[in-house]
Amino acid sequence: MRDVQTPEYPEADRAPNCAHPRETYALVGHNAAEAQFISAKASGRLHHAWLISGPKGVGKATFAYRIIRHMLGGVSLLEGSLDIPANDP
């Protein structure tokens, strides 16, 4: 059997020398965006899509992963926050 190696491709959303956003749990400076998302979800009228935009490296992908963790059932220790602990199943 021949040893076939998979080529190395850069991972999407990973900045050089930085952890991938899925591995980043802290996010600074996006309190207003998080509050807007939490408010929309609490109202029962969460839109099916959100456009997250901004300059490269500002935290868009990290914010998206925080939303995903929350939507998949992660529980924050802080009310009105998307701060899901890293050890949350």
C-alpha atoms as a PDB file:
ATOM      1  CA  MET A   1       0.000   0.000   0.000  1.00  0.00           C
ATOM      2  CA  ARG A   2       1.317   3.396  -0.957  1.00  0.00           C
ATOM      3  CA  ASP A   3       1.632   6.124   1.709  1.00  0.00           C
ATOM      4  CA  VAL A   4      -0.450   9.047   0.498  1.00  0.00           C
ATOM      5  CA  GLN A   5       0.048  12.327   2.296  1.00  0.00           C
ATOM      6  CA  THR A   6      -2.667  14.940   2.507  1.00  0.00           C
ATOM      7  CA  PRO A   7      -1.437  18.344   1.358  1.00  0.00           C
ATOM      8  CA  GLU A   8      -1.302  21.061   4.016  1.00  0.00           C
ATOM      9  CA  TYR A   9      -3.871  23.773   3.397  1.00  0.00           C
ATOM     10  CA  PRO A  10      -4.158  26.924   5.506  1.00  0.00           C
ATOM     11  CA  GLU A  11      -7.129  26.826   7.841  1.00  0.00           C
ATOM     12  CA  ALA A  12      -9.854  29.357   7.083  1.00  0.00           C
ATOM     13  CA  ASP A  13     -10.147  32.270   9.522  1.00  0.00           C
ATOM     14  CA  ARG A  14      -6.765  31.593  11.166  1.00  0.00           C
ATOM     15  CA  ALA A  15      -4.479  34.617  11.372  1.00  0.00           C
ATOM     16  CA  PRO A  16      -0.747  33.876  11.313  1.00  0.00           C
ATOM     17  CA  ASN A  17       0.662  33.059  14.765  1.00  0.00           C
ATOM     18  CA  CYS A  18      -2.796  33.173  16.373  1.00  0.00           C
ATOM     19  CA  ALA A  19      -5.138  30.561  17.766  1.00  0.00           C
ATOM     20  CA  HIS A  20      -8.034  29.580  15.520  1.00  0.00           C
ATOM     21  CA  PRO A  21     -11.273  31.446  16.428  1.00  0.00           C
ATOM     22  CA  ARG A  22     -12.895  28.124  17.424  1.00  0.00           C
ATOM     23  CA  GLU A  23     -10.199  27.848  20.121  1.00  0.00           C
ATOM     24  CA  THR A  24     -10.618  31.458  21.289  1.00  0.00           C
ATOM     25  CA  TYR A  25     -13.197  32.033  24.000  1.00  0.00           C
ATOM     26  CA  ALA A  26     -12.495  35.646  24.992  1.00  0.00           C
ATOM     27  CA  LEU A  27     -13.593  38.555  22.842  1.00  0.00           C
ATOM     28  CA  VAL A  28     -13.034  42.190  23.753  1.00  0.00           C
ATOM     29  CA  GLY A  29     -14.870  45.196  22.378  1.00  0.00           C
ATOM     30  CA  HIS A  30     -17.955  43.578  20.899  1.00  0.00           C
ATOM     31  CA  ASN A  31     -20.352  43.995  23.830  1.00  0.00           C
ATOM     32  CA  ALA A  32     -22.888  45.965  21.773  1.00  0.00           C
ATOM     33  CA  ALA A  33     -22.988  43.319  19.016  1.00  0.00           C
ATOM     34  CA  GLU A  34     -23.378  40.529  21.577  1.00  0.00           C
ATOM     35  CA  ALA A  35     -26.139  42.429  23.378  1.00  0.00           C
ATOM     36  CA  GLN A  36     -27.974  42.981  20.084  1.00  0.00           C
ATOM     37  CA  PHE A  37     -27.784  39.266  19.243  1.00  0.00           C
ATOM     38  CA  ILE A  38     -28.890  38.169  22.735  1.00  0.00           C
ATOM     39  CA  SER A  39     -31.774  40.661  22.670  1.00  0.00           C
ATOM     40  CA  ALA A  40     -32.937  39.427  19.261  1.00  0.00           C
ATOM     41  CA  LYS A  41     -32.833  35.803  20.402  1.00  0.00           C
ATOM     42  CA  ALA A  42     -34.660  36.587  23.663  1.00  0.00           C
ATOM     43  CA  SER A  43     -37.411  38.387  21.725  1.00  0.00           C
ATOM     44  CA  GLY A  44     -38.192  35.192  19.833  1.00  0.00           C
ATOM     45  CA  ARG A  45     -37.581  36.977  16.543  1.00  0.00           C
ATOM     46  CA  LEU A  46     -34.043  35.926  15.730  1.00  0.00           C
ATOM     47  CA  HIS A  47     -33.381  36.480  12.033  1.00  0.00           C
ATOM     48  CA  HIS A  48     -32.228  33.487   9.990  1.00  0.00           C
ATOM     49  CA  ALA A  49     -29.005  35.223   8.925  1.00  0.00           C
ATOM     50  CA  TRP A  50     -26.666  37.857  10.307  1.00  0.00           C
ATOM     51  CA  LEU A  51     -24.096  39.812   8.334  1.00  0.00           C
ATOM     52  CA  ILE A  52     -20.924  40.153  10.384  1.00  0.00           C
ATOM     53  CA  SER A  53     -18.534  42.632   8.811  1.00  0.00           C
ATOM     54  CA  GLY A  54     -15.475  44.632   9.739  1.00  0.00           C
ATOM     55  CA  PRO A  55     -11.763  44.938   9.145  1.00  0.00           C
ATOM     56  CA  LYS A  56      -9.523  41.880   9.033  1.00  0.00           C
ATOM     57  CA  GLY A  57      -8.524  40.671  12.485  1.00  0.00           C
ATOM     58  CA  VAL A  58     -11.228  42.510  14.443  1.00  0.00           C
ATOM     59  CA  GLY A  59     -12.852  39.310  15.748  1.00  0.00           C
ATOM     60  CA  LYS A  60     -15.648  38.492  13.306  1.00  0.00           C
ATOM     61  CA  ALA A  61     -14.960  34.754  13.244  1.00  0.00           C
ATOM     62  CA  THR A  62     -14.486  34.629  17.024  1.00  0.00           C
ATOM     63  CA  PHE A  63     -17.844  36.382  17.444  1.00  0.00           C
ATOM     64  CA  ALA A  64     -19.459  33.870  15.080  1.00  0.00           C
ATOM     65  CA  TYR A  65     -18.027  30.934  17.046  1.00  0.00           C
ATOM     66  CA  ARG A  66     -19.356  32.482  20.271  1.00  0.00           C
ATOM     67  CA  ILE A  67     -22.831  32.656  18.703  1.00  0.00           C
ATOM     68  CA  ILE A  68     -22.535  29.050  17.518  1.00  0.00           C
ATOM     69  CA  ARG A  69     -21.546  27.804  20.988  1.00  0.00           C
ATOM     70  CA  HIS A  70     -24.553  29.627  22.436  1.00  0.00           C
ATOM     71  CA  MET A  71     -26.985  28.338  19.801  1.00  0.00           C
ATOM     72  CA  LEU A  72     -25.759  24.766  20.290  1.00  0.00           C
ATOM     73  CA  GLY A  73     -26.750  24.926  23.957  1.00  0.00           C
ATOM     74  CA  GLY A  74     -23.703  26.354  25.692  1.00  0.00           C
ATOM     75  CA  VAL A  75     -24.512  28.021  28.984  1.00  0.00           C
ATOM     76  CA  SER A  76     -22.809  31.251  29.992  1.00  0.00           C
ATOM     77  CA  LEU A  77     -21.901  31.912  33.601  1.00  0.00           C
ATOM     78  CA  LEU A  78     -22.863  35.559  33.044  1.00  0.00           C
ATOM     79  CA  GLU A  79     -26.400  36.633  32.253  1.00  0.00           C
ATOM     80  CA  GLY A  80     -26.678  38.441  28.925  1.00  0.00           C
ATOM     81  CA  SER A  81     -23.327  37.162  27.672  1.00  0.00           C
ATOM     82  CA  LEU A  82     -22.000  34.772  25.067  1.00  0.00           C
ATOM     83  CA  ASP A  83     -19.109  33.812  27.368  1.00  0.00           C
ATOM     84  CA  ILE A  84     -19.415  30.039  27.209  1.00  0.00           C
ATOM     85  CA  PRO A  85     -16.698  28.330  29.315  1.00  0.00           C
ATOM     86  CA  ALA A  86     -14.194  26.223  27.400  1.00  0.00           C
ATOM     87  CA  ASN A  87     -15.155  23.186  29.499  1.00  0.00           C
ATOM     88  CA  ASP A  88     -18.877  23.435  28.611  1.00  0.00           C
ATOM     89  CA  PRO A  89     -19.851  20.234  26.777  1.00  0.00           C
END
